[in-house]
Amino acid sequence: MTFAISRFELIAISYLEAALLVVILSIGLNQVRRRLIIISNGLGELGGMLATVESQHLRGLDKWVADINGPLQVIAGVLPGIAAKAALVVRKATGG
């Protein structure tokens, strides 16, 4: 069973296939665009809420954070020296 398709029919099918591909891709891209708009709006609302939280609640903590970070930086600065002394004690205790 053989089907004879003319050159014109092959060209028409090729154009129809390309047109169908364009339609399907445009529908898919339009759905992606809609979802991105929804996500963008949600992120905008979230950003506004975070700015509100920061301005109303977190700015008052700045002084406390600075008061805590100062001593922590001192501790972090002396830890390498403590670690070196501990390694020396271990070496002496183990005979190595």
N, C-alpha and C. Protein backbone atom coordinates (compact mmCIF):
# COMPACT_ATOMS: atom_id res chain seq x y z
N MET A 1 0.84 -1.17 0.00
CA MET A 1 0.00 0.00 0.00
C MET A 1 0.89 1.24 0.00
N THR A 2 0.83 1.98 -1.04
CA THR A 2 1.63 3.19 -1.18
C THR A 2 0.71 4.39 -1.34
N PHE A 3 1.15 5.45 -0.69
CA PHE A 3 0.41 6.71 -0.82
C PHE A 3 1.26 7.67 -1.62
N ALA A 4 0.64 8.26 -2.57
CA ALA A 4 1.35 9.24 -3.39
C ALA A 4 0.95 10.63 -2.90
N ILE A 5 1.91 11.34 -2.38
CA ILE A 5 1.65 12.70 -1.91
C ILE A 5 2.39 13.64 -2.85
N SER A 6 1.65 14.62 -3.28
CA SER A 6 2.26 15.55 -4.22
C SER A 6 3.19 16.52 -3.49
N ARG A 7 3.99 17.18 -4.26
CA ARG A 7 4.93 18.16 -3.70
C ARG A 7 4.16 19.28 -3.01
N PHE A 8 3.07 19.72 -3.61
CA PHE A 8 2.26 20.78 -3.03
C PHE A 8 1.71 20.35 -1.67
N GLU A 9 1.24 19.11 -1.56
CA GLU A 9 0.71 18.61 -0.29
C GLU A 9 1.81 18.56 0.78
N LEU A 10 3.00 18.15 0.41
CA LEU A 10 4.12 18.13 1.36
C LEU A 10 4.45 19.54 1.86
N ILE A 11 4.45 20.49 0.96
CA ILE A 11 4.73 21.89 1.34
C ILE A 11 3.63 22.40 2.25
N ALA A 12 2.36 22.09 1.92
CA ALA A 12 1.24 22.55 2.74
C ALA A 12 1.30 21.93 4.13
N ILE A 13 1.63 20.65 4.22
CA ILE A 13 1.75 19.98 5.53
C ILE A 13 2.89 20.59 6.33
N SER A 14 4.00 20.92 5.68
CA SER A 14 5.13 21.54 6.37
C SER A 14 4.75 22.90 6.93
N TYR A 15 4.04 23.71 6.13
CA TYR A 15 3.59 25.02 6.61
C TYR A 15 2.60 24.86 7.76
N LEU A 16 1.70 23.89 7.65
CA LEU A 16 0.71 23.65 8.70
C LEU A 16 1.41 23.22 9.99
N GLU A 17 2.42 22.38 9.88
CA GLU A 17 3.18 21.94 11.04
C GLU A 17 3.88 23.12 11.71
N ALA A 18 4.50 23.98 10.92
CA ALA A 18 5.19 25.15 11.47
C ALA A 18 4.19 26.09 12.15
N ALA A 19 3.03 26.29 11.52
CA ALA A 19 2.02 27.17 12.10
C ALA A 19 1.49 26.59 13.41
N LEU A 20 1.26 25.29 13.44
CA LEU A 20 0.78 24.64 14.65
C LEU A 20 1.82 24.76 15.77
N LEU A 21 3.09 24.60 15.43
CA LEU A 21 4.15 24.75 16.42
C LEU A 21 4.17 26.16 17.00
N VAL A 22 4.01 27.15 16.15
CA VAL A 22 4.00 28.55 16.61
C VAL A 22 2.81 28.78 17.54
N VAL A 23 1.65 28.25 17.21
CA VAL A 23 0.46 28.42 18.04
C VAL A 23 0.66 27.76 19.40
N ILE A 24 1.17 26.54 19.41
CA ILE A 24 1.38 25.82 20.68
C ILE A 24 2.41 26.54 21.54
N LEU A 25 3.50 26.98 20.93
CA LEU A 25 4.52 27.70 21.69
C LEU A 25 4.00 29.02 22.24
N SER A 26 3.19 29.73 21.46
CA SER A 26 2.65 31.00 21.94
C SER A 26 1.69 30.79 23.10
N ILE A 27 0.91 29.71 23.05
CA ILE A 27 0.02 29.42 24.18
C ILE A 27 0.84 29.11 25.43
N GLY A 28 1.86 28.27 25.28
CA GLY A 28 2.71 27.93 26.42
C GLY A 28 3.43 29.13 27.00
N LEU A 29 3.97 29.97 26.12
CA LEU A 29 4.68 31.17 26.60
C LEU A 29 3.73 32.15 27.27
N ASN A 30 2.51 32.22 26.78
CA ASN A 30 1.52 33.10 27.40
C ASN A 30 1.18 32.62 28.81
N GLN A 31 1.08 31.30 29.01
CA GLN A 31 0.83 30.77 30.34
C GLN A 31 2.00 31.05 31.28
N VAL A 32 3.21 30.91 30.77
CA VAL A 32 4.40 31.22 31.58
C VAL A 32 4.40 32.70 31.96
N ARG A 33 4.04 33.57 31.01
CA ARG A 33 3.99 35.01 31.28
C ARG A 33 2.99 35.32 32.38
N ARG A 34 1.81 34.68 32.32
CA ARG A 34 0.79 34.92 33.36
C ARG A 34 1.31 34.49 34.73
N ARG A 35 1.95 33.33 34.78
CA ARG A 35 2.47 32.85 36.06
C ARG A 35 3.57 33.77 36.59
N LEU A 36 4.42 34.26 35.70
CA LEU A 36 5.48 35.17 36.14
C LEU A 36 4.91 36.48 36.67
N ILE A 37 3.82 36.95 36.08
CA ILE A 37 3.17 38.17 36.57
C ILE A 37 2.63 37.93 37.98
N ILE A 38 2.01 36.76 38.20
CA ILE A 38 1.48 36.44 39.52
C ILE A 38 2.62 36.36 40.54
N ILE A 39 3.70 35.70 40.16
CA ILE A 39 4.87 35.58 41.05
C ILE A 39 5.45 36.96 41.34
N SER A 40 5.55 37.80 40.32
CA SER A 40 6.09 39.14 40.50
C SER A 40 5.25 39.95 41.47
N ASN A 41 3.94 39.86 41.33
CA ASN A 41 3.06 40.59 42.25
C ASN A 41 3.23 40.08 43.68
N GLY A 42 3.33 38.76 43.83
CA GLY A 42 3.53 38.19 45.16
C GLY A 42 4.85 38.63 45.77
N LEU A 43 5.90 38.66 44.96
CA LEU A 43 7.20 39.10 45.48
C LEU A 43 7.18 40.58 45.84
N GLY A 44 6.44 41.37 45.07
CA GLY A 44 6.31 42.79 45.41
C GLY A 44 5.62 42.98 46.74
N GLU A 45 4.55 42.22 46.97
CA GLU A 45 3.85 42.30 48.26
C GLU A 45 4.75 41.83 49.40
N LEU A 46 5.49 40.74 49.16
CA LEU A 46 6.40 40.24 50.19
C LEU A 46 7.48 41.26 50.52
N GLY A 47 8.02 41.92 49.49
CA GLY A 47 9.03 42.95 49.73
C GLY A 47 8.48 44.09 50.56
N GLY A 48 7.24 44.48 50.27
CA GLY A 48 6.62 45.54 51.06
C GLY A 48 6.42 45.13 52.51
N MET A 49 6.00 43.88 52.71
CA MET A 49 5.81 43.40 54.08
C MET A 49 7.13 43.32 54.83
N LEU A 50 8.18 42.86 54.15
CA LEU A 50 9.49 42.77 54.80
C LEU A 50 10.02 44.16 55.16
N ALA A 51 9.78 45.12 54.30
CA ALA A 51 10.21 46.48 54.61
C ALA A 51 9.47 47.01 55.84
N THR A 52 8.19 46.67 55.94
CA THR A 52 7.40 47.10 57.10
C THR A 52 7.94 46.45 58.37
N VAL A 53 8.21 45.16 58.31
CA VAL A 53 8.74 44.47 59.49
C VAL A 53 10.09 45.08 59.88
N GLU A 54 10.93 45.33 58.88
CA GLU A 54 12.24 45.91 59.19
C GLU A 54 12.10 47.28 59.84
N SER A 55 11.26 48.11 59.27
CA SER A 55 11.16 49.48 59.79
C SER A 55 10.49 49.52 61.16
N GLN A 56 9.56 48.62 61.41
CA GLN A 56 8.82 48.69 62.68
C GLN A 56 9.46 47.87 63.79
N HIS A 57 10.17 46.80 63.44
CA HIS A 57 10.62 45.88 64.49
C HIS A 57 12.13 45.70 64.56
N LEU A 58 12.79 45.65 63.44
CA LEU A 58 14.20 45.29 63.46
C LEU A 58 15.14 46.48 63.67
N ARG A 59 14.72 47.66 63.31
CA ARG A 59 15.62 48.81 63.47
C ARG A 59 15.95 49.07 64.93
N GLY A 60 15.03 48.74 65.83
CA GLY A 60 15.28 48.92 67.26
C GLY A 60 16.33 47.96 67.79
N LEU A 61 16.61 46.91 67.05
CA LEU A 61 17.58 45.92 67.51
C LEU A 61 19.01 46.27 67.13
N ASP A 62 19.21 47.29 66.32
CA ASP A 62 20.55 47.64 65.84
C ASP A 62 21.55 47.83 66.98
N LYS A 63 21.16 48.54 68.03
CA LYS A 63 22.07 48.80 69.14
C LYS A 63 22.41 47.49 69.85
N TRP A 64 21.42 46.64 70.05
CA TRP A 64 21.68 45.36 70.71
C TRP A 64 22.61 44.48 69.89
N VAL A 65 22.41 44.49 68.59
CA VAL A 65 23.27 43.69 67.72
C VAL A 65 24.71 44.18 67.82
N ALA A 66 24.89 45.47 67.81
CA ALA A 66 26.25 46.03 67.94
C ALA A 66 26.85 45.68 69.29
N ASP A 67 26.04 45.75 70.35
CA ASP A 67 26.53 45.41 71.69
C ASP A 67 26.95 43.94 71.80
N ILE A 68 26.25 43.06 71.07
CA ILE A 68 26.57 41.63 71.11
C ILE A 68 27.74 41.31 70.19
N ASN A 69 27.77 41.93 69.03
CA ASN A 69 28.82 41.63 68.05
C ASN A 69 30.21 42.04 68.52
N GLY A 70 30.31 43.09 69.30
CA GLY A 70 31.62 43.53 69.79
C GLY A 70 32.33 42.43 70.57
N PRO A 71 31.71 41.93 71.64
CA PRO A 71 32.37 40.84 72.39
C PRO A 71 32.58 39.58 71.55
N LEU A 72 31.67 39.27 70.65
CA LEU A 72 31.83 38.08 69.81
C LEU A 72 33.04 38.22 68.89
N GLN A 73 33.30 39.42 68.41
CA GLN A 73 34.49 39.63 67.57
C GLN A 73 35.77 39.44 68.39
N VAL A 74 35.75 39.85 69.65
CA VAL A 74 36.91 39.65 70.52
C VAL A 74 37.14 38.15 70.72
N ILE A 75 36.05 37.44 70.99
CA ILE A 75 36.16 35.98 71.19
C ILE A 75 36.69 35.31 69.93
N ALA A 76 36.15 35.68 68.77
CA ALA A 76 36.60 35.09 67.51
C ALA A 76 38.06 35.40 67.25
N GLY A 77 38.53 36.54 67.71
CA GLY A 77 39.92 36.92 67.50
C GLY A 77 40.89 36.09 68.33
N VAL A 78 40.48 35.66 69.52
CA VAL A 78 41.40 34.91 70.38
C VAL A 78 41.29 33.40 70.19
N LEU A 79 40.28 32.92 69.48
CA LEU A 79 40.11 31.47 69.30
C LEU A 79 41.31 30.80 68.63
N PRO A 80 41.93 31.39 67.61
CA PRO A 80 43.10 30.71 67.03
C PRO A 80 44.23 30.52 68.03
N GLY A 81 44.45 31.49 68.89
CA GLY A 81 45.49 31.35 69.92
C GLY A 81 45.15 30.26 70.92
N ILE A 82 43.89 30.18 71.31
CA ILE A 82 43.45 29.14 72.23
C ILE A 82 43.62 27.77 71.59
N ALA A 83 43.26 27.66 70.32
CA ALA A 83 43.38 26.39 69.61
C ALA A 83 44.85 25.96 69.52
N ALA A 84 45.74 26.91 69.29
CA ALA A 84 47.17 26.59 69.20
C ALA A 84 47.69 26.10 70.55
N LYS A 85 47.27 26.75 71.64
CA LYS A 85 47.70 26.33 72.97
C LYS A 85 47.13 24.96 73.31
N ALA A 86 45.89 24.70 72.91
CA ALA A 86 45.29 23.39 73.17
C ALA A 86 46.01 22.30 72.41
N ALA A 87 46.42 22.59 71.19
CA ALA A 87 47.16 21.62 70.40
C ALA A 87 48.50 21.32 71.06
N LEU A 88 49.15 22.33 71.61
CA LEU A 88 50.42 22.15 72.30
C LEU A 88 50.25 21.27 73.54
N VAL A 89 49.17 21.50 74.27
CA VAL A 89 48.90 20.70 75.47
C VAL A 89 48.66 19.25 75.07
N VAL A 90 47.93 19.03 74.01
CA VAL A 90 47.65 17.67 73.54
C VAL A 90 48.94 16.98 73.12
N ARG A 91 49.78 17.70 72.41
CA ARG A 91 51.07 17.14 71.96
C ARG A 91 51.90 16.72 73.17
N LYS A 92 51.96 17.58 74.19
CA LYS A 92 52.75 17.25 75.40
C LYS A 92 52.14 16.10 76.15
N ALA A 93 50.81 16.06 76.22
CA ALA A 93 50.13 15.00 76.98
C ALA A 93 50.25 13.65 76.29
N THR A 94 50.30 13.64 74.98
CA THR A 94 50.37 12.37 74.25
C THR A 94 51.80 11.97 73.92
N GLY A 95 52.73 12.83 74.22
CA GLY A 95 54.13 12.52 73.98
C GLY A 95 54.53 12.74 72.53
N GLY A 96 53.72 13.42 71.76
CA GLY A 96 54.02 13.61 70.35
C GLY A 96 54.47 14.94 70.07
